[in-house]
Amino acid sequence: IGRFPEAIAAFERAIELESSRDAQTLADLGEAVLMNDQSSITGRAGQLFETALPFSPANPKALFYGGLAAINRGEPLLGADRWEALLATSTPKNVEDILRQRIAELRGESPAAVESPVAASASATGTVVTVSIALGADASTVVGPDATVFVIARDPAQPSPPIAAVRRRASELPAVVTL
């Protein structure tokens, strides 16, 4: 419901009770921290996903966000590896197509070869969303030009993991992105 500071406090208490050994709680805390502060993907949130993965290497949330964290740290191949592992879980078809496209891009393969099934699937189901993104005046004064901005789409019926994500540098904004 968007009350991330309260969610963070609740997950921190749960982690304390579980002695920091439950992958799902660590991943849930990481997601709450990330939703509260998008820049934390390379900080605390990213570290929480890294901590969760050894406890549960197939945790979908930890794999998805751990892949994002790796990409943001400059480790695109590790990000691709994690997203390939995520594909081995029961990933919805529309998410699978998007992940395959991004994995191809991260590995330096031609996204065109992967894009056509995604585009065909998206067109057939009407799941293409185009949005215009820009930083507001207040955010522009705080966020540096090299900051990373994520646009994340979620299915309201299944809020995690996101079904699409686009990454841009603040210096590339305003921009129009397609999810």
N, C-alpha and C. Protein backbone atom coordinates (compact mmCIF):
# COMPACT_ATOMS: atom_id res chain seq x y z
N ILE A 1 0.82 -1.21 0.00
CA ILE A 1 0.00 0.00 0.00
C ILE A 1 0.86 1.26 0.00
N GLY A 2 2.12 1.10 -0.28
CA GLY A 2 3.01 2.25 -0.42
C GLY A 2 3.58 2.80 0.87
N ARG A 3 3.38 2.14 1.98
CA ARG A 3 3.92 2.61 3.26
C ARG A 3 5.26 1.92 3.51
N PHE A 4 6.24 2.29 2.71
CA PHE A 4 7.52 1.57 2.71
C PHE A 4 8.31 1.70 4.00
N PRO A 5 8.39 2.88 4.64
CA PRO A 5 9.14 2.93 5.91
C PRO A 5 8.57 1.97 6.95
N GLU A 6 7.24 1.84 7.01
CA GLU A 6 6.63 0.92 7.96
C GLU A 6 6.90 -0.53 7.56
N ALA A 7 6.86 -0.80 6.26
CA ALA A 7 7.17 -2.16 5.78
C ALA A 7 8.61 -2.52 6.11
N ILE A 8 9.51 -1.56 5.92
CA ILE A 8 10.92 -1.79 6.23
C ILE A 8 11.08 -2.17 7.71
N ALA A 9 10.44 -1.40 8.58
CA ALA A 9 10.54 -1.68 10.02
C ALA A 9 9.99 -3.08 10.34
N ALA A 10 8.87 -3.45 9.72
CA ALA A 10 8.28 -4.77 9.98
C ALA A 10 9.19 -5.89 9.49
N PHE A 11 9.73 -5.74 8.28
CA PHE A 11 10.62 -6.77 7.75
C PHE A 11 11.92 -6.84 8.55
N GLU A 12 12.43 -5.70 9.00
CA GLU A 12 13.64 -5.72 9.84
C GLU A 12 13.39 -6.50 11.13
N ARG A 13 12.22 -6.33 11.70
CA ARG A 13 11.89 -7.07 12.93
C ARG A 13 11.78 -8.57 12.63
N ALA A 14 11.15 -8.90 11.49
CA ALA A 14 11.04 -10.32 11.11
C ALA A 14 12.42 -10.92 10.88
N ILE A 15 13.29 -10.19 10.25
CA ILE A 15 14.65 -10.69 10.00
C ILE A 15 15.39 -10.90 11.31
N GLU A 16 15.18 -10.00 12.24
CA GLU A 16 15.80 -10.15 13.57
C GLU A 16 15.31 -11.45 14.22
N LEU A 17 14.01 -11.70 14.15
CA LEU A 17 13.45 -12.91 14.75
C LEU A 17 13.92 -14.17 14.04
N GLU A 18 14.19 -14.07 12.73
CA GLU A 18 14.63 -15.22 11.94
C GLU A 18 16.16 -15.35 11.87
N SER A 19 16.86 -14.49 12.60
CA SER A 19 18.33 -14.48 12.61
C SER A 19 18.92 -14.30 11.21
N SER A 20 18.25 -13.48 10.39
CA SER A 20 18.74 -13.13 9.04
C SER A 20 18.98 -14.35 8.17
N ARG A 21 18.12 -15.37 8.29
CA ARG A 21 18.37 -16.61 7.55
C ARG A 21 17.23 -17.00 6.61
N ASP A 22 16.22 -16.16 6.46
CA ASP A 22 15.11 -16.50 5.58
C ASP A 22 15.21 -15.67 4.29
N ALA A 23 15.43 -16.36 3.18
CA ALA A 23 15.65 -15.68 1.90
C ALA A 23 14.46 -14.83 1.50
N GLN A 24 13.25 -15.32 1.69
CA GLN A 24 12.07 -14.57 1.26
C GLN A 24 11.94 -13.27 2.04
N THR A 25 12.17 -13.32 3.35
CA THR A 25 12.07 -12.10 4.16
C THR A 25 13.18 -11.12 3.77
N LEU A 26 14.38 -11.62 3.52
CA LEU A 26 15.47 -10.74 3.08
C LEU A 26 15.12 -10.08 1.75
N ALA A 27 14.57 -10.86 0.82
CA ALA A 27 14.19 -10.31 -0.48
C ALA A 27 13.03 -9.33 -0.33
N ASP A 28 12.08 -9.63 0.53
CA ASP A 28 10.96 -8.71 0.75
C ASP A 28 11.45 -7.40 1.35
N LEU A 29 12.38 -7.48 2.30
CA LEU A 29 12.96 -6.26 2.87
C LEU A 29 13.71 -5.49 1.79
N GLY A 30 14.49 -6.21 0.97
CA GLY A 30 15.21 -5.56 -0.12
C GLY A 30 14.27 -4.81 -1.05
N GLU A 31 13.13 -5.43 -1.37
CA GLU A 31 12.16 -4.77 -2.25
C GLU A 31 11.57 -3.53 -1.58
N ALA A 32 11.25 -3.61 -0.30
CA ALA A 32 10.71 -2.45 0.41
C ALA A 32 11.73 -1.32 0.46
N VAL A 33 12.98 -1.66 0.73
CA VAL A 33 14.05 -0.65 0.75
C VAL A 33 14.19 -0.02 -0.64
N LEU A 34 14.15 -0.84 -1.67
CA LEU A 34 14.28 -0.34 -3.04
C LEU A 34 13.11 0.57 -3.42
N MET A 35 11.90 0.17 -3.05
CA MET A 35 10.73 0.99 -3.37
C MET A 35 10.77 2.32 -2.62
N ASN A 36 11.39 2.31 -1.44
CA ASN A 36 11.52 3.53 -0.65
C ASN A 36 12.63 4.43 -1.19
N ASP A 37 13.67 3.84 -1.78
CA ASP A 37 14.82 4.59 -2.29
C ASP A 37 15.39 3.85 -3.49
N GLN A 38 15.03 4.30 -4.69
CA GLN A 38 15.44 3.62 -5.92
C GLN A 38 16.96 3.51 -6.06
N SER A 39 17.70 4.45 -5.50
CA SER A 39 19.16 4.40 -5.63
C SER A 39 19.78 3.28 -4.79
N SER A 40 19.00 2.68 -3.90
CA SER A 40 19.54 1.65 -3.02
C SER A 40 19.80 0.32 -3.73
N ILE A 41 19.48 0.23 -5.03
CA ILE A 41 19.74 -1.01 -5.77
C ILE A 41 21.23 -1.34 -5.74
N THR A 42 22.08 -0.32 -5.67
CA THR A 42 23.52 -0.56 -5.58
C THR A 42 24.01 -0.44 -4.15
N GLY A 43 23.10 -0.25 -3.22
CA GLY A 43 23.46 -0.13 -1.80
C GLY A 43 22.79 -1.21 -0.98
N ARG A 44 22.04 -0.77 0.00
CA ARG A 44 21.44 -1.70 0.96
C ARG A 44 20.49 -2.71 0.30
N ALA A 45 19.61 -2.25 -0.57
CA ALA A 45 18.66 -3.19 -1.20
C ALA A 45 19.42 -4.25 -1.99
N GLY A 46 20.40 -3.81 -2.78
CA GLY A 46 21.19 -4.76 -3.55
C GLY A 46 21.89 -5.78 -2.67
N GLN A 47 22.40 -5.32 -1.53
CA GLN A 47 23.07 -6.24 -0.61
C GLN A 47 22.10 -7.24 0.00
N LEU A 48 20.89 -6.81 0.27
CA LEU A 48 19.89 -7.74 0.81
C LEU A 48 19.57 -8.85 -0.19
N PHE A 49 19.47 -8.51 -1.48
CA PHE A 49 19.22 -9.54 -2.49
C PHE A 49 20.42 -10.49 -2.59
N GLU A 50 21.63 -9.93 -2.49
CA GLU A 50 22.84 -10.77 -2.51
C GLU A 50 22.84 -11.72 -1.31
N THR A 51 22.41 -11.24 -0.16
CA THR A 51 22.38 -12.06 1.05
C THR A 51 21.33 -13.16 0.93
N ALA A 52 20.21 -12.86 0.27
CA ALA A 52 19.13 -13.84 0.14
C ALA A 52 19.50 -14.99 -0.79
N LEU A 53 20.24 -14.72 -1.85
CA LEU A 53 20.50 -15.75 -2.87
C LEU A 53 21.20 -17.00 -2.36
N PRO A 54 22.21 -16.92 -1.50
CA PRO A 54 22.81 -18.18 -1.01
C PRO A 54 21.83 -19.05 -0.21
N PHE A 55 20.87 -18.44 0.49
CA PHE A 55 19.88 -19.20 1.25
C PHE A 55 18.86 -19.87 0.33
N SER A 56 18.55 -19.20 -0.78
CA SER A 56 17.55 -19.72 -1.72
C SER A 56 17.92 -19.27 -3.14
N PRO A 57 18.81 -20.02 -3.81
CA PRO A 57 19.30 -19.63 -5.13
C PRO A 57 18.22 -19.54 -6.21
N ALA A 58 17.03 -20.09 -5.95
CA ALA A 58 15.95 -20.04 -6.94
C ALA A 58 14.84 -19.08 -6.52
N ASN A 59 15.09 -18.22 -5.55
CA ASN A 59 14.07 -17.27 -5.11
C ASN A 59 13.81 -16.26 -6.22
N PRO A 60 12.61 -16.24 -6.79
CA PRO A 60 12.34 -15.37 -7.94
C PRO A 60 12.59 -13.88 -7.67
N LYS A 61 12.18 -13.40 -6.53
CA LYS A 61 12.36 -11.98 -6.23
C LYS A 61 13.85 -11.65 -6.10
N ALA A 62 14.59 -12.51 -5.39
CA ALA A 62 16.03 -12.27 -5.22
C ALA A 62 16.75 -12.38 -6.56
N LEU A 63 16.34 -13.31 -7.42
CA LEU A 63 16.96 -13.43 -8.75
C LEU A 63 16.67 -12.21 -9.62
N PHE A 64 15.41 -11.77 -9.62
CA PHE A 64 15.07 -10.61 -10.46
C PHE A 64 15.84 -9.38 -10.00
N TYR A 65 15.66 -9.01 -8.74
CA TYR A 65 16.31 -7.80 -8.25
C TYR A 65 17.82 -7.97 -8.13
N GLY A 66 18.28 -9.19 -7.82
CA GLY A 66 19.72 -9.44 -7.80
C GLY A 66 20.32 -9.24 -9.18
N GLY A 67 19.56 -9.59 -10.22
CA GLY A 67 20.00 -9.32 -11.59
C GLY A 67 20.08 -7.83 -11.86
N LEU A 68 19.07 -7.09 -11.43
CA LEU A 68 19.10 -5.62 -11.58
C LEU A 68 20.29 -5.02 -10.84
N ALA A 69 20.51 -5.50 -9.62
CA ALA A 69 21.63 -4.99 -8.82
C ALA A 69 22.96 -5.26 -9.52
N ALA A 70 23.13 -6.46 -10.05
CA ALA A 70 24.38 -6.80 -10.75
C ALA A 70 24.58 -5.90 -11.96
N ILE A 71 23.53 -5.68 -12.72
CA ILE A 71 23.62 -4.82 -13.90
C ILE A 71 24.02 -3.41 -13.49
N ASN A 72 23.43 -2.91 -12.42
CA ASN A 72 23.75 -1.56 -11.95
C ASN A 72 25.15 -1.45 -11.37
N ARG A 73 25.71 -2.56 -10.93
CA ARG A 73 27.10 -2.56 -10.45
C ARG A 73 28.09 -2.70 -11.61
N GLY A 74 27.58 -2.83 -12.82
CA GLY A 74 28.46 -3.00 -13.97
C GLY A 74 28.79 -4.45 -14.24
N GLU A 75 27.94 -5.39 -13.80
CA GLU A 75 28.15 -6.81 -14.03
C GLU A 75 26.99 -7.37 -14.86
N PRO A 76 26.90 -6.97 -16.14
CA PRO A 76 25.76 -7.39 -16.95
C PRO A 76 25.67 -8.90 -17.16
N LEU A 77 26.79 -9.60 -17.24
CA LEU A 77 26.74 -11.05 -17.45
C LEU A 77 26.20 -11.77 -16.22
N LEU A 78 26.54 -11.28 -15.02
CA LEU A 78 25.97 -11.85 -13.80
C LEU A 78 24.47 -11.59 -13.77
N GLY A 79 24.06 -10.38 -14.18
CA GLY A 79 22.64 -10.07 -14.26
C GLY A 79 21.92 -11.01 -15.22
N ALA A 80 22.53 -11.25 -16.37
CA ALA A 80 21.94 -12.17 -17.35
C ALA A 80 21.86 -13.59 -16.79
N ASP A 81 22.92 -14.01 -16.09
CA ASP A 81 22.91 -15.35 -15.48
C ASP A 81 21.76 -15.48 -14.48
N ARG A 82 21.56 -14.45 -13.68
CA ARG A 82 20.49 -14.52 -12.68
C ARG A 82 19.12 -14.55 -13.34
N TRP A 83 18.96 -13.77 -14.40
CA TRP A 83 17.67 -13.76 -15.07
C TRP A 83 17.43 -15.07 -15.82
N GLU A 84 18.50 -15.71 -16.30
CA GLU A 84 18.33 -17.04 -16.89
C GLU A 84 17.90 -18.04 -15.82
N ALA A 85 18.46 -17.92 -14.62
CA ALA A 85 18.02 -18.79 -13.52
C ALA A 85 16.57 -18.50 -13.17
N LEU A 86 16.17 -17.24 -13.26
CA LEU A 86 14.77 -16.88 -13.00
C LEU A 86 13.85 -17.53 -14.02
N LEU A 87 14.30 -17.65 -15.26
CA LEU A 87 13.50 -18.31 -16.29
C LEU A 87 13.21 -19.77 -15.95
N ALA A 88 14.09 -20.39 -15.16
CA ALA A 88 13.89 -21.79 -14.77
C ALA A 88 12.79 -21.94 -13.72
N THR A 89 12.38 -20.83 -13.10
CA THR A 89 11.26 -20.88 -12.17
C THR A 89 9.97 -20.76 -12.99
N SER A 90 8.84 -20.77 -12.37
CA SER A 90 7.57 -20.68 -13.11
C SER A 90 7.28 -19.22 -13.45
N THR A 91 8.01 -18.71 -14.43
CA THR A 91 7.88 -17.33 -14.86
C THR A 91 6.72 -17.21 -15.85
N PRO A 92 5.83 -16.22 -15.68
CA PRO A 92 4.76 -16.03 -16.65
C PRO A 92 5.33 -15.78 -18.05
N LYS A 93 4.60 -16.20 -19.07
CA LYS A 93 5.07 -16.13 -20.46
C LYS A 93 5.47 -14.71 -20.86
N ASN A 94 4.65 -13.71 -20.50
CA ASN A 94 4.99 -12.34 -20.90
C ASN A 94 6.27 -11.86 -20.22
N VAL A 95 6.51 -12.28 -18.99
CA VAL A 95 7.75 -11.93 -18.30
C VAL A 95 8.92 -12.68 -18.92
N GLU A 96 8.69 -13.93 -19.27
CA GLU A 96 9.73 -14.76 -19.88
C GLU A 96 10.23 -14.11 -21.18
N ASP A 97 9.33 -13.65 -22.02
CA ASP A 97 9.73 -13.01 -23.28
C ASP A 97 10.56 -11.76 -23.05
N ILE A 98 10.15 -10.95 -22.08
CA ILE A 98 10.89 -9.73 -21.76
C ILE A 98 12.27 -10.07 -21.22
N LEU A 99 12.34 -11.04 -20.32
CA LEU A 99 13.64 -11.45 -19.77
C LEU A 99 14.56 -11.98 -20.86
N ARG A 100 14.04 -12.79 -21.75
CA ARG A 100 14.87 -13.31 -22.84
C ARG A 100 15.44 -12.18 -23.70
N GLN A 101 14.63 -11.19 -23.97
CA GLN A 101 15.09 -10.04 -24.76
C GLN A 101 16.20 -9.30 -24.02
N ARG A 102 15.98 -9.02 -22.74
CA ARG A 102 17.00 -8.29 -21.97
C ARG A 102 18.28 -9.11 -21.81
N ILE A 103 18.15 -10.42 -21.62
CA ILE A 103 19.32 -11.29 -21.50
C ILE A 103 20.13 -11.22 -22.78
N ALA A 104 19.46 -11.27 -23.93
CA ALA A 104 20.16 -11.17 -25.21
C ALA A 104 20.91 -9.85 -25.31
N GLU A 105 20.26 -8.76 -24.91
CA GLU A 105 20.92 -7.45 -24.94
C GLU A 105 22.13 -7.43 -24.02
N LEU A 106 22.00 -7.99 -22.81
CA LEU A 106 23.10 -7.99 -21.85
C LEU A 106 24.27 -8.83 -22.34
N ARG A 107 23.99 -9.86 -23.08
CA ARG A 107 25.05 -10.73 -23.60
C ARG A 107 25.60 -10.23 -24.94
N GLY A 108 25.07 -9.09 -25.41
CA GLY A 108 25.56 -8.52 -26.66
C GLY A 108 25.03 -9.20 -27.89
N GLU A 109 23.96 -9.96 -27.74
CA GLU A 109 23.34 -10.62 -28.88
C GLU A 109 22.34 -9.66 -29.51
N SER A 110 21.95 -9.95 -30.71
CA SER A 110 21.02 -9.10 -31.42
C SER A 110 19.64 -9.19 -30.77
N PRO A 111 19.15 -8.07 -30.21
CA PRO A 111 17.81 -8.12 -29.62
C PRO A 111 16.73 -8.30 -30.67
N ALA A 112 17.01 -7.99 -31.93
CA ALA A 112 16.00 -8.13 -32.99
C ALA A 112 15.55 -9.57 -33.11
N ALA A 113 16.48 -10.51 -32.94
CA ALA A 113 16.13 -11.93 -33.05
C ALA A 113 15.18 -12.35 -31.94
N VAL A 114 15.30 -11.71 -30.79
CA VAL A 114 14.47 -12.06 -29.65
C VAL A 114 13.22 -11.18 -29.61
N GLU A 115 13.30 -10.01 -30.22
CA GLU A 115 12.24 -9.03 -30.09
C GLU A 115 10.96 -9.43 -30.80
N SER A 116 11.04 -10.09 -31.95
CA SER A 116 9.82 -10.36 -32.68
C SER A 116 8.80 -11.19 -31.92
N PRO A 117 9.18 -12.28 -31.20
CA PRO A 117 8.15 -12.99 -30.44
C PRO A 117 7.56 -12.11 -29.33
N VAL A 118 8.40 -11.27 -28.72
CA VAL A 118 7.91 -10.39 -27.67
C VAL A 118 6.90 -9.41 -28.25
N ALA A 119 7.27 -8.79 -29.36
CA ALA A 119 6.38 -7.80 -29.98
C ALA A 119 5.09 -8.46 -30.43
N ALA A 120 5.20 -9.65 -31.01
CA ALA A 120 3.99 -10.35 -31.46
C ALA A 120 3.10 -10.69 -30.27
N SER A 121 3.70 -11.19 -29.20
CA SER A 121 2.93 -11.53 -28.01
C SER A 121 2.29 -10.30 -27.41
N ALA A 122 3.08 -9.22 -27.31
CA ALA A 122 2.57 -7.99 -26.71
C ALA A 122 1.45 -7.41 -27.55
N SER A 123 1.61 -7.41 -28.88
CA SER A 123 0.57 -6.87 -29.74
C SER A 123 -0.70 -7.70 -29.65
N ALA A 124 -0.54 -9.00 -29.59
CA ALA A 124 -1.70 -9.88 -29.54
C ALA A 124 -2.47 -9.73 -28.24
N THR A 125 -1.76 -9.47 -27.14
CA THR A 125 -2.44 -9.39 -25.85
C THR A 125 -2.72 -7.96 -25.42
N GLY A 126 -2.20 -6.99 -26.18
CA GLY A 126 -2.42 -5.60 -25.82
C GLY A 126 -1.65 -5.17 -24.59
N THR A 127 -0.49 -5.77 -24.35
CA THR A 127 0.27 -5.48 -23.14
C THR A 127 1.39 -4.48 -23.34
N VAL A 128 1.44 -3.80 -24.47
CA VAL A 128 2.46 -2.79 -24.69
C VAL A 128 2.01 -1.50 -24.03
N VAL A 129 2.91 -0.91 -23.24
CA VAL A 129 2.62 0.36 -22.58
C VAL A 129 3.74 1.31 -22.93
N THR A 130 3.39 2.48 -23.42
CA THR A 130 4.36 3.51 -23.71
C THR A 130 4.13 4.66 -22.74
N VAL A 131 5.20 5.07 -22.06
CA VAL A 131 5.08 6.15 -21.08
C VAL A 131 6.14 7.19 -21.32
N SER A 132 5.80 8.40 -20.98
CA SER A 132 6.75 9.50 -21.03
C SER A 132 7.23 9.72 -19.61
N ILE A 133 8.55 9.75 -19.42
CA ILE A 133 9.09 9.94 -18.07
C ILE A 133 9.98 11.18 -18.05
N ALA A 134 9.92 11.88 -16.95
CA ALA A 134 10.74 13.07 -16.74
C ALA A 134 10.90 13.26 -15.24
N LEU A 135 11.97 13.91 -14.87
CA LEU A 135 12.17 14.23 -13.45
C LEU A 135 11.48 15.55 -13.15
N GLY A 136 10.81 15.62 -12.02
CA GLY A 136 10.21 16.87 -11.58
C GLY A 136 11.29 17.84 -11.14
N ALA A 137 10.91 19.08 -10.95
CA ALA A 137 11.88 20.12 -10.58
C ALA A 137 12.63 19.78 -9.30
N ASP A 138 11.91 19.28 -8.28
CA ASP A 138 12.56 18.92 -7.01
C ASP A 138 13.56 17.79 -7.20
N ALA A 139 13.16 16.76 -7.95
CA ALA A 139 14.05 15.62 -8.17
C ALA A 139 15.27 16.03 -8.99
N SER A 140 15.08 16.90 -9.95
CA SER A 140 16.20 17.34 -10.80
C SER A 140 17.30 18.02 -10.00
N THR A 141 16.94 18.69 -8.91
CA THR A 141 17.95 19.36 -8.10
C THR A 141 18.71 18.39 -7.20
N VAL A 142 18.14 17.22 -6.93
CA VAL A 142 18.76 16.24 -6.03
C VAL A 142 19.49 15.14 -6.79
N VAL A 143 18.95 14.73 -7.93
CA VAL A 143 19.48 13.60 -8.68
C VAL A 143 20.53 14.09 -9.67
N GLY A 144 21.69 13.47 -9.65
CA GLY A 144 22.75 13.82 -10.57
C GLY A 144 22.50 13.22 -11.96
N PRO A 145 23.18 13.71 -12.98
CA PRO A 145 22.95 13.23 -14.35
C PRO A 145 23.32 11.77 -14.56
N ASP A 146 24.20 11.21 -13.72
CA ASP A 146 24.59 9.81 -13.86
C ASP A 146 23.73 8.86 -13.03
N ALA A 147 22.74 9.40 -12.31
CA ALA A 147 21.85 8.55 -11.51
C ALA A 147 21.03 7.65 -12.43
N THR A 148 20.71 6.47 -11.94
CA THR A 148 19.91 5.53 -12.69
C THR A 148 18.46 5.66 -12.28
N VAL A 149 17.59 5.69 -13.28
CA VAL A 149 16.14 5.78 -13.06
C VAL A 149 15.51 4.53 -13.64
N PHE A 150 14.62 3.90 -12.89
CA PHE A 150 13.92 2.71 -13.37
C PHE A 150 12.45 3.03 -13.56
N VAL A 151 11.89 2.53 -14.64
CA VAL A 151 10.45 2.53 -14.85
C VAL A 151 10.06 1.06 -14.76
N ILE A 152 9.21 0.73 -13.79
CA ILE A 152 8.86 -0.66 -13.53
C ILE A 152 7.35 -0.82 -13.69
N ALA A 153 6.95 -1.84 -14.44
CA ALA A 153 5.53 -2.16 -14.60
C ALA A 153 5.23 -3.42 -13.80
N ARG A 154 4.12 -3.40 -13.09
CA ARG A 154 3.70 -4.54 -12.28
C ARG A 154 2.27 -4.92 -12.63
N ASP A 155 1.98 -6.18 -12.51
CA ASP A 155 0.62 -6.69 -12.66
C ASP A 155 -0.06 -6.50 -11.31
N PRO A 156 -1.14 -5.71 -11.23
CA PRO A 156 -1.78 -5.47 -9.94
C PRO A 156 -2.25 -6.76 -9.25
N ALA A 157 -2.56 -7.78 -10.03
CA ALA A 157 -3.01 -9.04 -9.45
C ALA A 157 -1.85 -9.84 -8.86
N GLN A 158 -0.64 -9.62 -9.38
CA GLN A 158 0.56 -10.31 -8.91
C GLN A 158 1.69 -9.28 -8.84
N PRO A 159 1.76 -8.49 -7.78
CA PRO A 159 2.65 -7.33 -7.76
C PRO A 159 4.15 -7.60 -7.80
N SER A 160 4.62 -8.82 -7.61
CA SER A 160 6.06 -9.05 -7.68
C SER A 160 6.33 -10.34 -8.38
N PRO A 161 7.38 -10.49 -9.11
CA PRO A 161 8.29 -9.44 -9.55
C PRO A 161 7.65 -8.61 -10.65
N PRO A 162 8.28 -7.49 -11.00
CA PRO A 162 7.74 -6.66 -12.07
C PRO A 162 7.67 -7.46 -13.38
N ILE A 163 6.74 -7.08 -14.24
CA ILE A 163 6.62 -7.76 -15.53
C ILE A 163 7.45 -7.06 -16.60
N ALA A 164 7.90 -5.85 -16.32
CA ALA A 164 8.77 -5.14 -17.27
C ALA A 164 9.53 -4.06 -16.51
N ALA A 165 10.72 -3.79 -16.99
CA ALA A 165 11.53 -2.73 -16.39
C ALA A 165 12.39 -2.10 -17.46
N VAL A 166 12.54 -0.80 -17.37
CA VAL A 166 13.41 -0.06 -18.28
C VAL A 166 14.32 0.79 -17.42
N ARG A 167 15.59 0.82 -17.78
CA ARG A 167 16.59 1.57 -17.04
C ARG A 167 17.08 2.72 -17.91
N ARG A 168 17.16 3.91 -17.34
CA ARG A 168 17.67 5.08 -18.03
C ARG A 168 18.55 5.87 -17.07
N ARG A 169 19.47 6.63 -17.62
CA ARG A 169 20.25 7.58 -16.83
C ARG A 169 19.43 8.86 -16.73
N ALA A 170 19.59 9.58 -15.64
CA ALA A 170 18.84 10.83 -15.46
C ALA A 170 19.13 11.81 -16.59
N SER A 171 20.35 11.77 -17.12
CA SER A 171 20.72 12.68 -18.22
C SER A 171 19.96 12.37 -19.51
N GLU A 172 19.35 11.18 -19.62
CA GLU A 172 18.59 10.79 -20.81
C GLU A 172 17.13 11.24 -20.74
N LEU A 173 16.76 11.87 -19.63
CA LEU A 173 15.36 12.29 -19.43
C LEU A 173 15.17 13.74 -19.81
N PRO A 174 14.00 14.12 -20.28
CA PRO A 174 12.79 13.30 -20.47
C PRO A 174 12.96 12.32 -21.62
N ALA A 175 12.17 11.25 -21.55
CA ALA A 175 12.23 10.21 -22.59
C ALA A 175 10.88 9.51 -22.67
N VAL A 176 10.66 8.85 -23.78
CA VAL A 176 9.50 8.00 -23.95
C VAL A 176 10.01 6.57 -23.99
N VAL A 177 9.45 5.70 -23.13
CA VAL A 177 9.87 4.31 -23.07
C VAL A 177 8.68 3.40 -23.30
N THR A 178 8.96 2.25 -23.85
CA THR A 178 7.92 1.25 -24.10
C THR A 178 8.18 0.03 -23.24
N LEU A 179 7.16 -0.40 -22.53
CA LEU A 179 7.24 -1.59 -21.67
C LEU A 179 6.33 -2.64 -22.23
